[in-house]
Amino acid sequence: MTDAAEPQAETVADSEPLALDSRHDDDHGETGNDAVSETIEIVKTVVYALLIALVLRIFLFQPFTIPSASMEPNLLKGDYIIVSKYSYGYSKHSIPLSPPLFKGRIFARQPTRGDIIVFKLPSDGHIDYIKRLIGLPGDRIQVKGGVVSVNGQVLTRVYDGPGDPGSCWNGSTVQRFRETNTVGRTYTTYDCGPRGDVDDTGLYVVPEGHYFFMGDNRDNSLDSRVAPEASGVGFVPAENLVGHARIILLSWNGEASLFKPWTWFLDARPSRFFHVLK
């Protein structure tokens, strides 16, 4: 009887660990499956977010940071601006890296004189420039004594006092002017005095399908007044337009650094936040 009972006890004893092992394996499998499913969901969420961001960047809005002084006093180095991509239609330059998927523009709309526009440098095709639109296709443009004329009409300038110190590359005291273009839009420009390199130019005739741009900091801007061969911009093809600069979203001075978090607050320029561009 004792010998018969012992195997039964062993059998019961052996079965308990086996049952426990079986339940443990199931839990481990379920946990593994849950982890894989969760990882897949996270990857899908990230991919969807990136696709949404890409669509917004291509078709609606794109942020840019101003790297230079060529558009002072309206855009300062460190301004973080938003550009609308839909304003003039779309070209290959609306897409990151400008892939040669098609030529020309889709849903093209002509910009208005005075618009501040981001475009690709014609001589390079990848570098982003930002300037103010002065001339449309067929326009005749000339600068004399720092004063711009379009199709024989002089753009009126009204003196508006001295500008910010240190804005002139030649050490001169910068002068502010309120300039009004041929369609009645008024904006502020900087002038570093007479006899600048591009204060007196020949006559430019803007070719069909091209545009003529100038920086608001007139004596500190490489723009359409300067030929591409001289490191300038020249005439800009319509295909190279990226978008219309609409608003300064945020702004920091030159001391701010991504790697110095305290400068995000100490070097911010809140007076420029959410400033609509004219």
C-alpha atoms as a PDB file:
ATOM      1  CA  MET A   1       0.000   0.000   0.000  1.00  0.00           C
ATOM      2  CA  THR A   2       2.814   2.371   0.859  1.00  0.00           C
ATOM      3  CA  ASP A   3       4.585   1.639  -2.418  1.00  0.00           C
ATOM      4  CA  ALA A   4       1.368   2.273  -4.333  1.00  0.00           C
ATOM      5  CA  ALA A   5       0.747   5.593  -2.588  1.00  0.00           C
ATOM      6  CA  GLU A   6       4.210   6.990  -3.247  1.00  0.00           C
ATOM      7  CA  PRO A   7       3.936   6.992  -7.025  1.00  0.00           C
ATOM      8  CA  GLN A   8       0.545   8.707  -6.773  1.00  0.00           C
ATOM      9  CA  ALA A   9       2.066  11.390  -4.524  1.00  0.00           C
ATOM     10  CA  GLU A  10       4.974  11.876  -6.926  1.00  0.00           C
ATOM     11  CA  THR A  11       2.622  12.083  -9.861  1.00  0.00           C
ATOM     12  CA  VAL A  12       0.575  14.798  -8.178  1.00  0.00           C
ATOM     13  CA  ALA A  13       3.727  16.580  -7.077  1.00  0.00           C
ATOM     14  CA  ASP A  14       5.197  16.449 -10.563  1.00  0.00           C
ATOM     15  CA  SER A  15       2.017  17.706 -12.155  1.00  0.00           C
ATOM     16  CA  GLU A  16       1.893  20.901 -10.068  1.00  0.00           C
ATOM     17  CA  PRO A  17       5.181  22.304 -11.316  1.00  0.00           C
ATOM     18  CA  LEU A  18       4.256  21.323 -14.863  1.00  0.00           C
ATOM     19  CA  ALA A  19       0.986  23.189 -14.570  1.00  0.00           C
ATOM     20  CA  LEU A  20       2.818  26.210 -13.133  1.00  0.00           C
ATOM     21  CA  ASP A  21       5.410  26.109 -15.928  1.00  0.00           C
ATOM     22  CA  SER A  22       2.634  25.976 -18.504  1.00  0.00           C
ATOM     23  CA  ARG A  23       0.887  29.053 -17.087  1.00  0.00           C
ATOM     24  CA  HIS A  24       4.223  30.951 -16.907  1.00  0.00           C
ATOM     25  CA  ASP A  25       4.982  30.206 -20.582  1.00  0.00           C
ATOM     26  CA  ASP A  26       1.568  31.518 -21.639  1.00  0.00           C
ATOM     27  CA  ASP A  27       2.050  34.732 -19.685  1.00  0.00           C
ATOM     28  CA  HIS A  28       5.482  35.224 -21.187  1.00  0.00           C
ATOM     29  CA  GLY A  29       4.123  34.728 -24.680  1.00  0.00           C
ATOM     30  CA  GLU A  30       1.286  37.155 -24.086  1.00  0.00           C
ATOM     31  CA  THR A  31       3.682  39.726 -22.622  1.00  0.00           C
ATOM     32  CA  GLY A  32       5.983  39.343 -25.617  1.00  0.00           C
ATOM     33  CA  ASN A  33       3.101  39.772 -28.037  1.00  0.00           C
ATOM     34  CA  ASP A  34       1.877  42.843 -26.138  1.00  0.00           C
ATOM     35  CA  ALA A  35       5.348  44.408 -26.310  1.00  0.00           C
ATOM     36  CA  VAL A  36       5.594  43.805 -30.049  1.00  0.00           C
ATOM     37  CA  SER A  37       2.108  45.217 -30.624  1.00  0.00           C
ATOM     38  CA  GLU A  38       2.895  48.277 -28.529  1.00  0.00           C
ATOM     39  CA  THR A  39       6.133  48.860 -30.448  1.00  0.00           C
ATOM     40  CA  ILE A  40       4.301  48.578 -33.758  1.00  0.00           C
ATOM     41  CA  GLU A  41       1.679  51.089 -32.584  1.00  0.00           C
ATOM     42  CA  ILE A  42       4.389  53.532 -31.499  1.00  0.00           C
ATOM     43  CA  VAL A  43       6.148  53.206 -34.871  1.00  0.00           C
ATOM     44  CA  LYS A  44       2.850  53.711 -36.711  1.00  0.00           C
ATOM     45  CA  THR A  45       2.079  56.813 -34.635  1.00  0.00           C
ATOM     46  CA  VAL A  46       5.508  58.283 -35.354  1.00  0.00           C
ATOM     47  CA  VAL A  47       5.177  57.539 -39.082  1.00  0.00           C
ATOM     48  CA  TYR A  48       1.704  59.110 -39.208  1.00  0.00           C
ATOM     49  CA  ALA A  49       2.959  62.187 -37.352  1.00  0.00           C
ATOM     50  CA  LEU A  50       5.889  62.541 -39.757  1.00  0.00           C
ATOM     51  CA  LEU A  51       3.597  62.160 -42.774  1.00  0.00           C
ATOM     52  CA  ILE A  52       1.209  64.796 -41.412  1.00  0.00           C
ATOM     53  CA  ALA A  53       4.136  67.141 -40.729  1.00  0.00           C
ATOM     54  CA  LEU A  54       5.465  66.535 -44.247  1.00  0.00           C
ATOM     55  CA  VAL A  55       2.083  67.275 -45.821  1.00  0.00           C
ATOM     56  CA  LEU A  56       1.753  70.471 -43.779  1.00  0.00           C
ATOM     57  CA  ARG A  57       5.293  71.489 -44.725  1.00  0.00           C
ATOM     58  CA  ILE A  58       4.726  70.901 -48.436  1.00  0.00           C
ATOM     59  CA  PHE A  59       1.228  72.267 -48.873  1.00  0.00           C
ATOM     60  CA  LEU A  60       0.547  74.744 -46.063  1.00  0.00           C
ATOM     61  CA  PHE A  61       3.288  76.233 -43.889  1.00  0.00           C
ATOM     62  CA  GLN A  62       7.032  75.989 -43.351  1.00  0.00           C
ATOM     63  CA  PRO A  63       9.168  77.630 -40.638  1.00  0.00           C
ATOM     64  CA  PHE A  64      12.452  79.406 -41.359  1.00  0.00           C
ATOM     65  CA  THR A  65      15.072  81.138 -39.220  1.00  0.00           C
ATOM     66  CA  ILE A  66      16.581  84.412 -40.435  1.00  0.00           C
ATOM     67  CA  PRO A  67      20.390  84.057 -40.608  1.00  0.00           C
ATOM     68  CA  SER A  68      21.507  87.523 -41.796  1.00  0.00           C
ATOM     69  CA  ALA A  69      20.865  91.286 -41.703  1.00  0.00           C
ATOM     70  CA  SER A  70      19.858  91.775 -45.351  1.00  0.00           C
ATOM     71  CA  MET A  71      16.179  92.338 -44.501  1.00  0.00           C
ATOM     72  CA  GLU A  72      16.663  94.691 -41.542  1.00  0.00           C
ATOM     73  CA  PRO A  73      14.821  96.445 -40.012  1.00  0.00           C
ATOM     74  CA  ASN A  74      11.814  94.255 -40.850  1.00  0.00           C
ATOM     75  CA  LEU A  75      13.506  90.904 -40.274  1.00  0.00           C
ATOM     76  CA  LEU A  76      16.303  90.509 -37.755  1.00  0.00           C
ATOM     77  CA  LYS A  77      18.838  87.761 -37.381  1.00  0.00           C
ATOM     78  CA  GLY A  78      17.276  85.188 -35.070  1.00  0.00           C
ATOM     79  CA  ASP A  79      13.670  85.778 -36.113  1.00  0.00           C
ATOM     80  CA  TYR A  80      11.689  82.546 -36.504  1.00  0.00           C
ATOM     81  CA  ILE A  81       9.151  83.072 -39.276  1.00  0.00           C
ATOM     82  CA  ILE A  82       6.279  81.149 -40.839  1.00  0.00           C
ATOM     83  CA  VAL A  83       5.955  80.984 -44.632  1.00  0.00           C
ATOM     84  CA  SER A  84       2.748  80.031 -46.423  1.00  0.00           C
ATOM     85  CA  LYS A  85       3.460  77.485 -49.158  1.00  0.00           C
ATOM     86  CA  TYR A  86       0.112  77.755 -50.963  1.00  0.00           C
ATOM     87  CA  SER A  87       0.301  81.481 -51.796  1.00  0.00           C
ATOM     88  CA  TYR A  88       1.892  81.126 -55.244  1.00  0.00           C
ATOM     89  CA  GLY A  89       1.151  77.492 -56.037  1.00  0.00           C
ATOM     90  CA  TYR A  90       3.640  74.646 -55.925  1.00  0.00           C
ATOM     91  CA  SER A  91       6.838  73.642 -57.692  1.00  0.00           C
ATOM     92  CA  LYS A  92       9.521  71.039 -57.101  1.00  0.00           C
ATOM     93  CA  HIS A  93      10.998  73.492 -54.578  1.00  0.00           C
ATOM     94  CA  SER A  94       7.901  73.092 -52.413  1.00  0.00           C
ATOM     95  CA  ILE A  95       9.161  69.583 -51.609  1.00  0.00           C
ATOM     96  CA  PRO A  96      12.170  68.927 -49.329  1.00  0.00           C
ATOM     97  CA  LEU A  97      15.415  68.520 -51.317  1.00  0.00           C
ATOM     98  CA  SER A  98      13.698  69.851 -54.491  1.00  0.00           C
ATOM     99  CA  PRO A  99      13.392  66.513 -56.318  1.00  0.00           C
ATOM    100  CA  PRO A 100      12.968  66.954 -60.111  1.00  0.00           C
ATOM    101  CA  LEU A 101       9.479  65.422 -60.168  1.00  0.00           C
ATOM    102  CA  PHE A 102       7.983  68.055 -62.475  1.00  0.00           C
ATOM    103  CA  LYS A 103       8.719  71.441 -64.045  1.00  0.00           C
ATOM    104  CA  GLY A 104       6.997  74.777 -63.602  1.00  0.00           C
ATOM    105  CA  ARG A 105       4.298  75.517 -61.025  1.00  0.00           C
ATOM    106  CA  ILE A 106       0.984  73.869 -60.178  1.00  0.00           C
ATOM    107  CA  PHE A 107      -1.924  76.167 -59.212  1.00  0.00           C
ATOM    108  CA  ALA A 108       0.392  79.102 -59.951  1.00  0.00           C
ATOM    109  CA  ARG A 109      -0.590  82.560 -58.710  1.00  0.00           C
ATOM    110  CA  GLN A 110       1.428  85.696 -59.325  1.00  0.00           C
ATOM    111  CA  PRO A 111       2.812  87.405 -56.229  1.00  0.00           C
ATOM    112  CA  THR A 112       2.149  91.050 -55.419  1.00  0.00           C
ATOM    113  CA  ARG A 113       4.782  93.776 -55.461  1.00  0.00           C
ATOM    114  CA  GLY A 114       6.078  94.252 -51.927  1.00  0.00           C
ATOM    115  CA  ASP A 115       5.604  90.650 -50.783  1.00  0.00           C
ATOM    116  CA  ILE A 116       8.409  89.224 -48.655  1.00  0.00           C
ATOM    117  CA  ILE A 117       9.211  85.921 -50.330  1.00  0.00           C
ATOM    118  CA  VAL A 118      11.426  82.906 -49.684  1.00  0.00           C
ATOM    119  CA  PHE A 119      12.975  81.492 -52.855  1.00  0.00           C
ATOM    120  CA  LYS A 120      15.730  79.165 -53.948  1.00  0.00           C
ATOM    121  CA  LEU A 121      18.918  80.851 -55.123  1.00  0.00           C
ATOM    122  CA  PRO A 122      18.868  80.430 -58.924  1.00  0.00           C
ATOM    123  CA  SER A 123      22.583  79.723 -59.223  1.00  0.00           C
ATOM    124  CA  ASP A 124      22.362  76.898 -56.685  1.00  0.00           C
ATOM    125  CA  GLY A 125      18.786  75.647 -56.530  1.00  0.00           C
ATOM    126  CA  HIS A 126      19.003  74.520 -52.895  1.00  0.00           C
ATOM    127  CA  ILE A 127      19.933  77.564 -50.790  1.00  0.00           C
ATOM    128  CA  ASP A 128      16.964  79.501 -49.397  1.00  0.00           C
ATOM    129  CA  TYR A 129      16.972  83.310 -49.731  1.00  0.00           C
ATOM    130  CA  ILE A 130      14.425  85.810 -48.437  1.00  0.00           C
ATOM    131  CA  LYS A 131      13.909  89.250 -50.030  1.00  0.00           C
ATOM    132  CA  ARG A 132      11.180  91.717 -50.934  1.00  0.00           C
ATOM    133  CA  LEU A 133       9.588  91.524 -54.380  1.00  0.00           C
ATOM    134  CA  ILE A 134      10.234  94.712 -56.340  1.00  0.00           C
ATOM    135  CA  GLY A 135       9.636  93.792 -59.983  1.00  0.00           C
ATOM    136  CA  LEU A 136       7.298  91.534 -61.962  1.00  0.00           C
ATOM    137  CA  PRO A 137       7.905  90.039 -65.418  1.00  0.00           C
ATOM    138  CA  GLY A 138       8.339  92.806 -67.987  1.00  0.00           C
ATOM    139  CA  ASP A 139       9.073  95.541 -65.417  1.00  0.00           C
ATOM    140  CA  ARG A 140      11.853  98.054 -66.023  1.00  0.00           C
ATOM    141  CA  ILE A 141      13.785  98.766 -62.829  1.00  0.00           C
ATOM    142  CA  GLN A 142      16.602 101.148 -62.015  1.00  0.00           C
ATOM    143  CA  VAL A 143      18.266 102.520 -58.879  1.00  0.00           C
ATOM    144  CA  LYS A 144      19.670 106.078 -58.801  1.00  0.00           C
ATOM    145  CA  GLY A 145      21.161 107.533 -55.648  1.00  0.00           C
ATOM    146  CA  GLY A 146      19.594 104.730 -53.652  1.00  0.00           C
ATOM    147  CA  VAL A 147      16.102 105.565 -54.939  1.00  0.00           C
ATOM    148  CA  VAL A 148      14.242 102.820 -56.837  1.00  0.00           C
ATOM    149  CA  SER A 149      12.093 103.426 -59.893  1.00  0.00           C
ATOM    150  CA  VAL A 150       9.772 100.873 -61.489  1.00  0.00           C
ATOM    151  CA  ASN A 151       8.562 101.462 -65.042  1.00  0.00           C
ATOM    152  CA  GLY A 152       9.607 105.096 -64.752  1.00  0.00           C
ATOM    153  CA  GLN A 153       7.726 105.647 -61.470  1.00  0.00           C
ATOM    154  CA  VAL A 154       9.925 106.609 -58.530  1.00  0.00           C
ATOM    155  CA  LEU A 155       9.155 104.813 -55.270  1.00  0.00           C
ATOM    156  CA  THR A 156       8.636 107.621 -52.772  1.00  0.00           C
ATOM    157  CA  ARG A 157      10.788 107.642 -49.645  1.00  0.00           C
ATOM    158  CA  VAL A 158      10.148 109.537 -46.436  1.00  0.00           C
ATOM    159  CA  TYR A 159      12.930 109.926 -43.884  1.00  0.00           C
ATOM    160  CA  ASP A 160      12.045 108.157 -40.622  1.00  0.00           C
ATOM    161  CA  GLY A 161      15.060 108.882 -38.405  1.00  0.00           C
ATOM    162  CA  PRO A 162      18.243 106.929 -37.650  1.00  0.00           C
ATOM    163  CA  GLY A 163      18.216 103.157 -37.523  1.00  0.00           C
ATOM    164  CA  ASP A 164      19.814 100.721 -35.112  1.00  0.00           C
ATOM    165  CA  PRO A 165      23.546 101.351 -34.540  1.00  0.00           C
ATOM    166  CA  GLY A 166      25.884  98.868 -36.157  1.00  0.00           C
ATOM    167  CA  SER A 167      23.561  98.012 -39.027  1.00  0.00           C
ATOM    168  CA  CYS A 168      25.871  99.456 -41.685  1.00  0.00           C
ATOM    169  CA  TRP A 169      28.772  97.389 -42.904  1.00  0.00           C
ATOM    170  CA  ASN A 170      30.756 100.560 -43.719  1.00  0.00           C
ATOM    171  CA  GLY A 171      30.389 102.067 -40.236  1.00  0.00           C
ATOM    172  CA  SER A 172      27.969 104.799 -41.332  1.00  0.00           C
ATOM    173  CA  THR A 173      24.922 105.769 -39.306  1.00  0.00           C
ATOM    174  CA  VAL A 174      22.042 103.925 -40.868  1.00  0.00           C
ATOM    175  CA  GLN A 175      19.033 105.972 -41.961  1.00  0.00           C
ATOM    176  CA  ARG A 176      15.453 104.699 -41.918  1.00  0.00           C
ATOM    177  CA  PHE A 177      13.094 105.458 -44.792  1.00  0.00           C
ATOM    178  CA  ARG A 178       9.408 104.710 -45.289  1.00  0.00           C
ATOM    179  CA  GLU A 179       9.165 103.547 -48.907  1.00  0.00           C
ATOM    180  CA  THR A 180       5.887 103.259 -50.813  1.00  0.00           C
ATOM    181  CA  ASN A 181       5.770 101.100 -53.921  1.00  0.00           C
ATOM    182  CA  THR A 182       3.674 101.416 -57.065  1.00  0.00           C
ATOM    183  CA  VAL A 183       0.687  99.575 -55.577  1.00  0.00           C
ATOM    184  CA  GLY A 184       0.604 101.677 -52.409  1.00  0.00           C
ATOM    185  CA  ARG A 185       2.309  99.294 -49.990  1.00  0.00           C
ATOM    186  CA  THR A 186       4.558 101.030 -47.458  1.00  0.00           C
ATOM    187  CA  TYR A 187       7.437  99.429 -45.581  1.00  0.00           C
ATOM    188  CA  THR A 188      10.647 100.517 -43.843  1.00  0.00           C
ATOM    189  CA  THR A 189      14.065 100.308 -45.483  1.00  0.00           C
ATOM    190  CA  TYR A 190      17.617 101.007 -44.328  1.00  0.00           C
ATOM    191  CA  ASP A 191      20.135 103.180 -46.186  1.00  0.00           C
ATOM    192  CA  CYS A 192      23.805 103.450 -45.241  1.00  0.00           C
ATOM    193  CA  GLY A 193      24.403 106.621 -47.231  1.00  0.00           C
ATOM    194  CA  PRO A 194      25.275 107.554 -50.816  1.00  0.00           C
ATOM    195  CA  ARG A 195      27.776 105.930 -53.131  1.00  0.00           C
ATOM    196  CA  GLY A 196      27.015 102.374 -52.117  1.00  0.00           C
ATOM    197  CA  ASP A 197      27.978  99.597 -54.514  1.00  0.00           C
ATOM    198  CA  VAL A 198      24.391  99.183 -55.718  1.00  0.00           C
ATOM    199  CA  ASP A 199      23.045 102.713 -55.126  1.00  0.00           C
ATOM    200  CA  ASP A 200      23.344 103.466 -58.837  1.00  0.00           C
ATOM    201  CA  THR A 201      22.585 100.774 -61.376  1.00  0.00           C
ATOM    202  CA  GLY A 202      21.815 100.314 -65.008  1.00  0.00           C
ATOM    203  CA  LEU A 203      18.336  99.550 -66.268  1.00  0.00           C
ATOM    204  CA  TYR A 204      17.043  96.058 -65.523  1.00  0.00           C
ATOM    205  CA  VAL A 205      14.305  94.553 -67.689  1.00  0.00           C
ATOM    206  CA  VAL A 206      12.750  91.591 -65.906  1.00  0.00           C
ATOM    207  CA  PRO A 207      12.417  88.608 -68.281  1.00  0.00           C
ATOM    208  CA  GLU A 208       9.149  86.767 -68.729  1.00  0.00           C
ATOM    209  CA  GLY A 209       8.621  84.164 -65.999  1.00  0.00           C
ATOM    210  CA  HIS A 210      11.093  85.864 -63.641  1.00  0.00           C
ATOM    211  CA  TYR A 211      11.054  88.276 -60.692  1.00  0.00           C
ATOM    212  CA  PHE A 212      13.281  91.018 -59.280  1.00  0.00           C
ATOM    213  CA  PHE A 213      14.060  91.104 -55.543  1.00  0.00           C
ATOM    214  CA  MET A 214      15.807  93.500 -53.178  1.00  0.00           C
ATOM    215  CA  GLY A 215      16.677  93.359 -49.490  1.00  0.00           C
ATOM    216  CA  ASP A 216      15.218  96.023 -47.199  1.00  0.00           C
ATOM    217  CA  ASN A 217      18.726  96.736 -45.884  1.00  0.00           C
ATOM    218  CA  ARG A 218      19.580  98.244 -49.240  1.00  0.00           C
ATOM    219  CA  ASP A 219      23.335  98.645 -48.818  1.00  0.00           C
ATOM    220  CA  ASN A 220      23.803  95.280 -47.133  1.00  0.00           C
ATOM    221  CA  SER A 221      22.027  92.882 -49.455  1.00  0.00           C
ATOM    222  CA  LEU A 222      23.137  90.663 -52.308  1.00  0.00           C
ATOM    223  CA  ASP A 223      19.976  90.572 -54.389  1.00  0.00           C
ATOM    224  CA  SER A 224      18.712  90.940 -57.957  1.00  0.00           C
ATOM    225  CA  ARG A 225      20.838  94.061 -58.443  1.00  0.00           C
ATOM    226  CA  VAL A 226      23.901  91.824 -58.354  1.00  0.00           C
ATOM    227  CA  ALA A 227      24.556  89.269 -61.095  1.00  0.00           C
ATOM    228  CA  PRO A 228      24.944  85.586 -60.143  1.00  0.00           C
ATOM    229  CA  GLU A 229      28.493  85.722 -61.525  1.00  0.00           C
ATOM    230  CA  ALA A 230      29.290  88.267 -58.783  1.00  0.00           C
ATOM    231  CA  SER A 231      27.753  86.085 -56.044  1.00  0.00           C
ATOM    232  CA  GLY A 232      24.416  87.862 -56.333  1.00  0.00           C
ATOM    233  CA  VAL A 233      20.895  86.665 -57.081  1.00  0.00           C
ATOM    234  CA  GLY A 234      20.012  88.070 -60.487  1.00  0.00           C
ATOM    235  CA  PHE A 235      16.528  87.451 -61.858  1.00  0.00           C
ATOM    236  CA  VAL A 236      14.613  84.711 -60.028  1.00  0.00           C
ATOM    237  CA  PRO A 237      12.553  82.175 -62.049  1.00  0.00           C
ATOM    238  CA  ALA A 238       8.941  81.732 -60.973  1.00  0.00           C
ATOM    239  CA  GLU A 239       9.692  78.054 -60.377  1.00  0.00           C
ATOM    240  CA  ASN A 240      12.120  79.001 -57.590  1.00  0.00           C
ATOM    241  CA  LEU A 241       9.519  80.688 -55.379  1.00  0.00           C
ATOM    242  CA  VAL A 242       9.000  78.763 -52.128  1.00  0.00           C
ATOM    243  CA  GLY A 243       6.414  80.810 -50.275  1.00  0.00           C
ATOM    244  CA  HIS A 244       5.153  84.069 -48.786  1.00  0.00           C
ATOM    245  CA  ALA A 245       6.623  85.126 -45.417  1.00  0.00           C
ATOM    246  CA  ARG A 246       3.610  85.900 -43.210  1.00  0.00           C
ATOM    247  CA  ILE A 247       4.519  86.258 -39.555  1.00  0.00           C
ATOM    248  CA  ILE A 248       7.394  86.376 -37.087  1.00  0.00           C
ATOM    249  CA  LEU A 249       6.388  83.637 -34.693  1.00  0.00           C
ATOM    250  CA  LEU A 250       9.308  83.905 -32.231  1.00  0.00           C
ATOM    251  CA  SER A 251      12.579  85.791 -32.011  1.00  0.00           C
ATOM    252  CA  TRP A 252      15.905  85.593 -30.171  1.00  0.00           C
ATOM    253  CA  ASN A 253      18.983  87.789 -30.326  1.00  0.00           C
ATOM    254  CA  GLY A 254      22.374  86.562 -31.482  1.00  0.00           C
ATOM    255  CA  GLU A 255      23.464  85.352 -28.045  1.00  0.00           C
ATOM    256  CA  ALA A 256      20.786  82.666 -27.800  1.00  0.00           C
ATOM    257  CA  SER A 257      21.893  79.059 -28.189  1.00  0.00           C
ATOM    258  CA  LEU A 258      20.055  75.773 -28.491  1.00  0.00           C
ATOM    259  CA  PHE A 259      22.581  74.235 -26.099  1.00  0.00           C
ATOM    260  CA  LYS A 260      22.143  76.955 -23.447  1.00  0.00           C
ATOM    261  CA  PRO A 261      18.529  76.624 -22.243  1.00  0.00           C
ATOM    262  CA  TRP A 262      18.660  79.742 -20.070  1.00  0.00           C
ATOM    263  CA  THR A 263      19.237  81.872 -23.195  1.00  0.00           C
ATOM    264  CA  TRP A 264      15.862  80.733 -24.535  1.00  0.00           C
ATOM    265  CA  PHE A 265      14.360  83.136 -21.984  1.00  0.00           C
ATOM    266  CA  LEU A 266      17.105  85.680 -21.302  1.00  0.00           C
ATOM    267  CA  ASP A 267      17.788  86.379 -24.993  1.00  0.00           C
ATOM    268  CA  ALA A 268      14.219  86.221 -26.281  1.00  0.00           C
ATOM    269  CA  ARG A 269      12.707  89.266 -27.996  1.00  0.00           C
ATOM    270  CA  PRO A 270       9.039  88.986 -26.931  1.00  0.00           C
ATOM    271  CA  SER A 271       8.169  92.326 -28.549  1.00  0.00           C
ATOM    272  CA  ARG A 272       8.653  90.603 -31.906  1.00  0.00           C
ATOM    273  CA  PHE A 273       6.564  87.519 -31.112  1.00  0.00           C
ATOM    274  CA  PHE A 274       3.537  87.028 -33.406  1.00  0.00           C
ATOM    275  CA  HIS A 275       4.439  90.098 -35.486  1.00  0.00           C
ATOM    276  CA  VAL A 276       2.626  90.132 -38.844  1.00  0.00           C
ATOM    277  CA  LEU A 277       4.924  91.041 -41.735  1.00  0.00           C
ATOM    278  CA  LYS A 278       4.045  93.843 -44.151  1.00  0.00           C
END
